[in-house]
Amino acid sequence: MSAEQAEIIGDKVISLFPLVRRKLLPRRDEHSHVPTHNLWYAVLGILMHSGVLPMSDLGGKLGISKPHMTALVDEMVDEGLVKRQPDKEDRRIINTIITKKGCAFLQNSRKMLKENIKKTLSSLSSSDVELLSNSLENIRKVLLKLDEK
């Protein structure tokens, strides 16, 4: 890939984030029941997929410093979404585990997000919905190839 292609792709990817947030994610306001803790959602998603993880590994996956990760996990422990557990092999390691409440929070969040997307996209024609669906599937397929290399 040329530097020019990389620059163009980079610009397109970066421009998608605010567009997706603005067009597809629920609006945040004081009356909304939609979770506004994006990092909580990310942590819970990783734990749901990976199972038990040391806080340092979790922070590494999210690109979050150890002090920030500790504060984030403290908040989530206080809310009952995750719990800490000393590692059985190495007492210096503190593992993070998703709780039943954390699983329910994540499932609720996903359900509300899907409902919001469905409502938002309902104004599109069926051909636009199909185009969007196919485009997202193609993006997913290409990005998954990055794991293969």
Foldseek 3Di string as FASTA:
>chain_A
DDPVVVVVVVVVVVVVVVVCCVQQFDDDDPPDPADPPPVLLVLLVCCVVPPKDFLVVSCVVVVHDPVVSVVVVVVCVVVVQWDWDQDPVDNVTIIIGGDPVVVVSNVVNVVVSVVRNCVSCVVPDPVVVVVVVVVVVVVVVVVVVVVVD
